[in-house]
Every structure is written in structure tokens, then in C-alpha cells.
Amino acid sequence: MAESGNQVALTATVRADPVQVAQAIGQTVVSGGNYLEDTQVVPVGPTTFRITRKYLPQWAIITGIIGLFLCFIGIVAVFFRDTEVLTIDIQPDPAGSRIEVSGVAKGSIVTTIQSVMSRFEGYAPTSPGMHGGAPGVSTLPLPPPPAPPVSSDGSVSEQPPSDI
């Protein structure tokens, strides 16, 4: 069954021409699919791609099966599609190319894009990969600890306030 993707916010730099990077990503991430899941890769510029994934969510499959037995109107649920969009933008950078990946995608698509980027010399991710996590994909770091308490005179207290 098709699962929903995760929010993606990935930025990386590589030492390569933006056109070379775009060609490598464009050749690796391909369009295709079936009734349950269909992926379309559309170039929206010389170095920008939009990956659109339409899929039949799990809830629609379950609702359709249960609804089919209760009344035939349940079959309408299997015609519902959810859409996710991922944008890949590759821009010139003093180091070579800056790659920005943002939107919503399955972990396997993000892992594929990261593996293509890692083949280039000087691959340096500058931001985390996915919110929500997926196997083999980096997740956002934990938020920083809270600031120490400030007393009424403006000085910072090293000791946390005691709970009485």
C-alpha cells in the first residue's frame, strides 16, 4: 500500500557544474508507476525539477474495501488520490553548485537524490534531510536546551530555580 511521504528540507553543495548535477539527478529519478502510485518528474527550468507523486492513501483502500461490503458507495473511496510535490533547485555557487530540495516525498526518493549528490566531489550537506524520519535519511536535530533563568537584576543564574 502507498504511504504518505515526509516533509523534506535539504540543502547541499557539490563541486560540479549545475547542469551536470541536474543531468545526473534527471537521469536517476524517473517517472512511472501504477494505479496505486504514480510519480512524474517534470523539468521546470534548466536546473530545476518538480517531482509530483499521486497515490492512493491507505485509508482510501481500507474505506473502499469495508464500504464495498456495507454498501456500494464505498467503492468511491478508491478513486481518491493524494498528491505530494518535491522541488529540486540547483543553482551556481562559489563552491560549484548549491542544491536545494524541498517539499514532501517518500524516503526512497530522498535517499536516491542524496546518493546522486554524494557521487559528486565535495558533497557537503548543509541542512538536515527529512522531518519525521525514514530509514537511511537524516532527521532534524533536537531543539536547543532552554536558556538559563535570568534574575530580576539581569544577571544569568547558573543554578536552576529549586522546586519547593
C-alpha atoms as a PDB file:
ATOM      1  CA  MET A   1       0.000   0.000   0.000  1.00  0.00           C
ATOM      2  CA  ALA A   2       1.163   3.525  -0.695  1.00  0.00           C
ATOM      3  CA  GLU A   3       2.268   5.504   2.316  1.00  0.00           C
ATOM      4  CA  SER A   4       2.425   9.258   2.645  1.00  0.00           C
ATOM      5  CA  GLY A   5       5.799  10.957   2.409  1.00  0.00           C
ATOM      6  CA  ASN A   6       7.640  13.173   4.850  1.00  0.00           C
ATOM      7  CA  GLN A   7       8.418  16.874   4.772  1.00  0.00           C
ATOM      8  CA  VAL A   8      11.856  17.406   3.198  1.00  0.00           C
ATOM      9  CA  ALA A   9      14.204  20.374   3.596  1.00  0.00           C
ATOM     10  CA  LEU A  10      17.682  19.536   2.323  1.00  0.00           C
ATOM     11  CA  THR A  11      20.442  21.842   1.169  1.00  0.00           C
ATOM     12  CA  ALA A  12      23.858  20.691  -0.056  1.00  0.00           C
ATOM     13  CA  THR A  13      26.808  21.951  -2.064  1.00  0.00           C
ATOM     14  CA  VAL A  14      28.935  19.991  -4.539  1.00  0.00           C
ATOM     15  CA  ARG A  15      31.955  20.885  -6.667  1.00  0.00           C
ATOM     16  CA  ALA A  16      30.316  20.443 -10.058  1.00  0.00           C
ATOM     17  CA  ASP A  17      28.570  22.488 -12.721  1.00  0.00           C
ATOM     18  CA  PRO A  18      24.803  22.929 -12.046  1.00  0.00           C
ATOM     19  CA  VAL A  19      23.955  21.482 -15.475  1.00  0.00           C
ATOM     20  CA  GLN A  20      25.988  18.309 -14.743  1.00  0.00           C
ATOM     21  CA  VAL A  21      24.233  17.880 -11.395  1.00  0.00           C
ATOM     22  CA  ALA A  22      20.809  18.434 -12.994  1.00  0.00           C
ATOM     23  CA  GLN A  23      21.553  15.834 -15.685  1.00  0.00           C
ATOM     24  CA  ALA A  24      22.641  13.266 -13.096  1.00  0.00           C
ATOM     25  CA  ILE A  25      19.533  13.795 -10.958  1.00  0.00           C
ATOM     26  CA  GLY A  26      17.251  13.885 -14.018  1.00  0.00           C
ATOM     27  CA  GLN A  27      18.598  10.560 -15.285  1.00  0.00           C
ATOM     28  CA  THR A  28      18.274   8.842 -11.903  1.00  0.00           C
ATOM     29  CA  VAL A  29      14.844   9.974 -10.701  1.00  0.00           C
ATOM     30  CA  VAL A  30      12.428   8.746 -13.360  1.00  0.00           C
ATOM     31  CA  SER A  31       8.701   8.996 -13.969  1.00  0.00           C
ATOM     32  CA  GLY A  32       6.497   5.933 -13.742  1.00  0.00           C
ATOM     33  CA  GLY A  33       4.176   3.983 -11.546  1.00  0.00           C
ATOM     34  CA  ASN A  34       0.918   2.099 -11.427  1.00  0.00           C
ATOM     35  CA  TYR A  35      -2.672   2.590 -10.268  1.00  0.00           C
ATOM     36  CA  LEU A  36      -1.710   2.803  -6.585  1.00  0.00           C
ATOM     37  CA  GLU A  37       1.205   5.202  -7.047  1.00  0.00           C
ATOM     38  CA  ASP A  38       2.350   7.376  -9.940  1.00  0.00           C
ATOM     39  CA  THR A  39       5.439   9.611  -9.993  1.00  0.00           C
ATOM     40  CA  GLN A  40       6.052  12.340 -12.574  1.00  0.00           C
ATOM     41  CA  VAL A  41       9.374  14.181 -12.931  1.00  0.00           C
ATOM     42  CA  VAL A  42       8.947  17.494 -14.732  1.00  0.00           C
ATOM     43  CA  PRO A  43      11.816  19.882 -15.516  1.00  0.00           C
ATOM     44  CA  VAL A  44      10.627  23.442 -14.820  1.00  0.00           C
ATOM     45  CA  GLY A  45      13.916  25.044 -15.828  1.00  0.00           C
ATOM     46  CA  PRO A  46      17.390  24.040 -16.964  1.00  0.00           C
ATOM     47  CA  THR A  47      18.416  23.133 -13.413  1.00  0.00           C
ATOM     48  CA  THR A  48      15.093  22.802 -11.571  1.00  0.00           C
ATOM     49  CA  PHE A  49      12.857  19.741 -11.263  1.00  0.00           C
ATOM     50  CA  ARG A  50       9.436  19.170  -9.783  1.00  0.00           C
ATOM     51  CA  ILE A  51       8.620  15.619  -8.707  1.00  0.00           C
ATOM     52  CA  THR A  52       4.882  15.044  -8.300  1.00  0.00           C
ATOM     53  CA  ARG A  53       3.650  11.842  -6.701  1.00  0.00           C
ATOM     54  CA  LYS A  54      -0.026  10.893  -6.773  1.00  0.00           C
ATOM     55  CA  TYR A  55      -1.032   7.884  -4.741  1.00  0.00           C
ATOM     56  CA  LEU A  56      -3.986   6.055  -3.266  1.00  0.00           C
ATOM     57  CA  PRO A  57      -3.730   6.526   0.536  1.00  0.00           C
ATOM     58  CA  GLN A  58      -4.097   3.572   2.889  1.00  0.00           C
ATOM     59  CA  TRP A  59      -7.273   4.974   4.433  1.00  0.00           C
ATOM     60  CA  ALA A  60      -8.947   5.087   0.989  1.00  0.00           C
ATOM     61  CA  ILE A  61      -8.106   1.438   0.315  1.00  0.00           C
ATOM     62  CA  ILE A  62      -9.443   0.323   3.694  1.00  0.00           C
ATOM     63  CA  THR A  63     -12.559   2.519   3.413  1.00  0.00           C
ATOM     64  CA  GLY A  64     -13.210   1.242  -0.096  1.00  0.00           C
ATOM     65  CA  ILE A  65     -12.974  -2.415   0.941  1.00  0.00           C
ATOM     66  CA  ILE A  66     -15.147  -2.013   4.047  1.00  0.00           C
ATOM     67  CA  GLY A  67     -17.587   0.288   2.233  1.00  0.00           C
ATOM     68  CA  LEU A  68     -17.902  -2.181  -0.626  1.00  0.00           C
ATOM     69  CA  PHE A  69     -19.268  -4.822   1.749  1.00  0.00           C
ATOM     70  CA  LEU A  70     -21.572  -2.410   3.603  1.00  0.00           C
ATOM     71  CA  CYS A  71     -22.850  -0.530   0.590  1.00  0.00           C
ATOM     72  CA  PHE A  72     -21.561   0.003  -2.912  1.00  0.00           C
ATOM     73  CA  ILE A  73     -20.893   3.714  -2.264  1.00  0.00           C
ATOM     74  CA  GLY A  74     -17.630   2.697  -0.520  1.00  0.00           C
ATOM     75  CA  ILE A  75     -16.054   1.976  -3.883  1.00  0.00           C
ATOM     76  CA  VAL A  76     -15.901   5.759  -4.469  1.00  0.00           C
ATOM     77  CA  ALA A  77     -13.077   5.957  -1.887  1.00  0.00           C
ATOM     78  CA  VAL A  78     -10.650   4.139  -4.194  1.00  0.00           C
ATOM     79  CA  PHE A  79     -10.915   6.996  -6.705  1.00  0.00           C
ATOM     80  CA  PHE A  80      -9.409   9.461  -4.188  1.00  0.00           C
ATOM     81  CA  ARG A  81      -5.778  10.463  -4.825  1.00  0.00           C
ATOM     82  CA  ASP A  82      -3.369  12.340  -2.590  1.00  0.00           C
ATOM     83  CA  THR A  83      -0.638  14.480  -4.184  1.00  0.00           C
ATOM     84  CA  GLU A  84       2.867  15.260  -2.926  1.00  0.00           C
ATOM     85  CA  VAL A  85       5.279  17.694  -4.600  1.00  0.00           C
ATOM     86  CA  LEU A  86       9.063  17.844  -4.203  1.00  0.00           C
ATOM     87  CA  THR A  87      11.129  20.610  -5.820  1.00  0.00           C
ATOM     88  CA  ILE A  88      14.838  20.264  -6.610  1.00  0.00           C
ATOM     89  CA  ASP A  89      16.589  23.554  -7.415  1.00  0.00           C
ATOM     90  CA  ILE A  90      20.267  23.581  -8.450  1.00  0.00           C
ATOM     91  CA  GLN A  91      21.982  26.978  -8.524  1.00  0.00           C
ATOM     92  CA  PRO A  92      25.575  28.132  -9.165  1.00  0.00           C
ATOM     93  CA  ASP A  93      27.623  28.575  -6.001  1.00  0.00           C
ATOM     94  CA  PRO A  94      31.228  29.729  -5.429  1.00  0.00           C
ATOM     95  CA  ALA A  95      31.978  26.130  -4.397  1.00  0.00           C
ATOM     96  CA  GLY A  96      30.307  24.730  -7.551  1.00  0.00           C
ATOM     97  CA  SER A  97      26.576  24.082  -7.161  1.00  0.00           C
ATOM     98  CA  ARG A  98      24.059  24.606  -4.394  1.00  0.00           C
ATOM     99  CA  ILE A  99      21.241  22.035  -4.348  1.00  0.00           C
ATOM    100  CA  GLU A 100      18.004  22.789  -2.511  1.00  0.00           C
ATOM    101  CA  VAL A 101      15.430  20.030  -2.115  1.00  0.00           C
ATOM    102  CA  SER A 102      12.103  20.987  -0.525  1.00  0.00           C
ATOM    103  CA  GLY A 103       8.564  19.661  -0.340  1.00  0.00           C
ATOM    104  CA  VAL A 104       7.067  16.272   0.533  1.00  0.00           C
ATOM    105  CA  ALA A 105       8.422  12.924  -0.674  1.00  0.00           C
ATOM    106  CA  LYS A 106       8.885   9.267   0.175  1.00  0.00           C
ATOM    107  CA  GLY A 107      12.120   8.339   1.899  1.00  0.00           C
ATOM    108  CA  SER A 108      13.233   6.251  -1.079  1.00  0.00           C
ATOM    109  CA  ILE A 109      13.089   9.265  -3.422  1.00  0.00           C
ATOM    110  CA  VAL A 110      15.078  11.425  -1.000  1.00  0.00           C
ATOM    111  CA  THR A 111      17.620   8.627  -0.475  1.00  0.00           C
ATOM    112  CA  THR A 112      18.032   8.314  -4.254  1.00  0.00           C
ATOM    113  CA  ILE A 113      18.609  12.066  -4.623  1.00  0.00           C
ATOM    114  CA  GLN A 114      21.106  12.064  -1.742  1.00  0.00           C
ATOM    115  CA  SER A 115      23.007   9.137  -3.270  1.00  0.00           C
ATOM    116  CA  VAL A 116      23.296  11.006  -6.600  1.00  0.00           C
ATOM    117  CA  MET A 117      24.536  14.135  -4.816  1.00  0.00           C
ATOM    118  CA  SER A 118      27.077  12.143  -2.774  1.00  0.00           C
ATOM    119  CA  ARG A 119      28.735  10.897  -6.001  1.00  0.00           C
ATOM    120  CA  PHE A 120      29.973  14.422  -6.738  1.00  0.00           C
ATOM    121  CA  GLU A 121      33.271  15.652  -5.347  1.00  0.00           C
ATOM    122  CA  GLY A 122      32.925  17.997  -2.399  1.00  0.00           C
ATOM    123  CA  TYR A 123      29.438  16.825  -1.381  1.00  0.00           C
ATOM    124  CA  ALA A 124      28.601  18.744   1.769  1.00  0.00           C
ATOM    125  CA  PRO A 125      25.046  18.673   3.153  1.00  0.00           C
ATOM    126  CA  THR A 126      24.404  21.970   4.934  1.00  0.00           C
ATOM    127  CA  SER A 127      20.968  21.166   6.349  1.00  0.00           C
ATOM    128  CA  PRO A 128      19.126  18.105   7.610  1.00  0.00           C
ATOM    129  CA  GLY A 129      17.103  15.915   5.284  1.00  0.00           C
ATOM    130  CA  MET A 130      13.634  14.919   6.494  1.00  0.00           C
ATOM    131  CA  HIS A 131      11.200  15.815   9.211  1.00  0.00           C
ATOM    132  CA  GLY A 132       9.599  12.704  10.616  1.00  0.00           C
ATOM    133  CA  GLY A 133      12.483  10.462   9.655  1.00  0.00           C
ATOM    134  CA  ALA A 134      12.856   7.440   7.465  1.00  0.00           C
ATOM    135  CA  PRO A 135      15.426   4.650   7.420  1.00  0.00           C
ATOM    136  CA  GLY A 136      18.718   5.839   5.993  1.00  0.00           C
ATOM    137  CA  VAL A 137      17.723   9.516   5.891  1.00  0.00           C
ATOM    138  CA  SER A 138      18.948  12.190   8.272  1.00  0.00           C
ATOM    139  CA  THR A 139      16.413  13.814  10.574  1.00  0.00           C
ATOM    140  CA  LEU A 140      16.228  17.239  12.149  1.00  0.00           C
ATOM    141  CA  PRO A 141      18.340  17.772  15.271  1.00  0.00           C
ATOM    142  CA  LEU A 142      16.741  18.196  18.678  1.00  0.00           C
ATOM    143  CA  PRO A 143      15.900  21.775  19.664  1.00  0.00           C
ATOM    144  CA  PRO A 144      18.489  23.557  21.827  1.00  0.00           C
ATOM    145  CA  PRO A 145      18.106  23.371  25.607  1.00  0.00           C
ATOM    146  CA  PRO A 146      16.207  26.220  27.275  1.00  0.00           C
ATOM    147  CA  ALA A 147      18.138  29.347  28.202  1.00  0.00           C
ATOM    148  CA  PRO A 148      19.270  29.677  31.816  1.00  0.00           C
ATOM    149  CA  PRO A 149      16.993  31.702  34.094  1.00  0.00           C
ATOM    150  CA  VAL A 150      17.611  35.443  34.356  1.00  0.00           C
ATOM    151  CA  SER A 151      17.255  37.132  37.727  1.00  0.00           C
ATOM    152  CA  SER A 152      15.436  40.426  38.278  1.00  0.00           C
ATOM    153  CA  ASP A 153      18.743  42.384  38.186  1.00  0.00           C
ATOM    154  CA  GLY A 154      19.528  40.999  34.693  1.00  0.00           C
ATOM    155  CA  SER A 155      22.244  38.546  35.681  1.00  0.00           C
ATOM    156  CA  VAL A 156      22.158  34.960  34.467  1.00  0.00           C
ATOM    157  CA  SER A 157      21.781  32.366  37.185  1.00  0.00           C
ATOM    158  CA  GLU A 158      23.887  29.205  36.773  1.00  0.00           C
ATOM    159  CA  GLN A 159      21.633  27.284  39.161  1.00  0.00           C
ATOM    160  CA  PRO A 160      18.148  26.337  38.013  1.00  0.00           C
ATOM    161  CA  PRO A 161      15.393  27.544  40.356  1.00  0.00           C
ATOM    162  CA  SER A 162      14.610  24.989  43.036  1.00  0.00           C
ATOM    163  CA  ASP A 163      11.146  23.490  43.173  1.00  0.00           C
ATOM    164  CA  ILE A 164       9.791  23.912  46.692  1.00  0.00           C
END
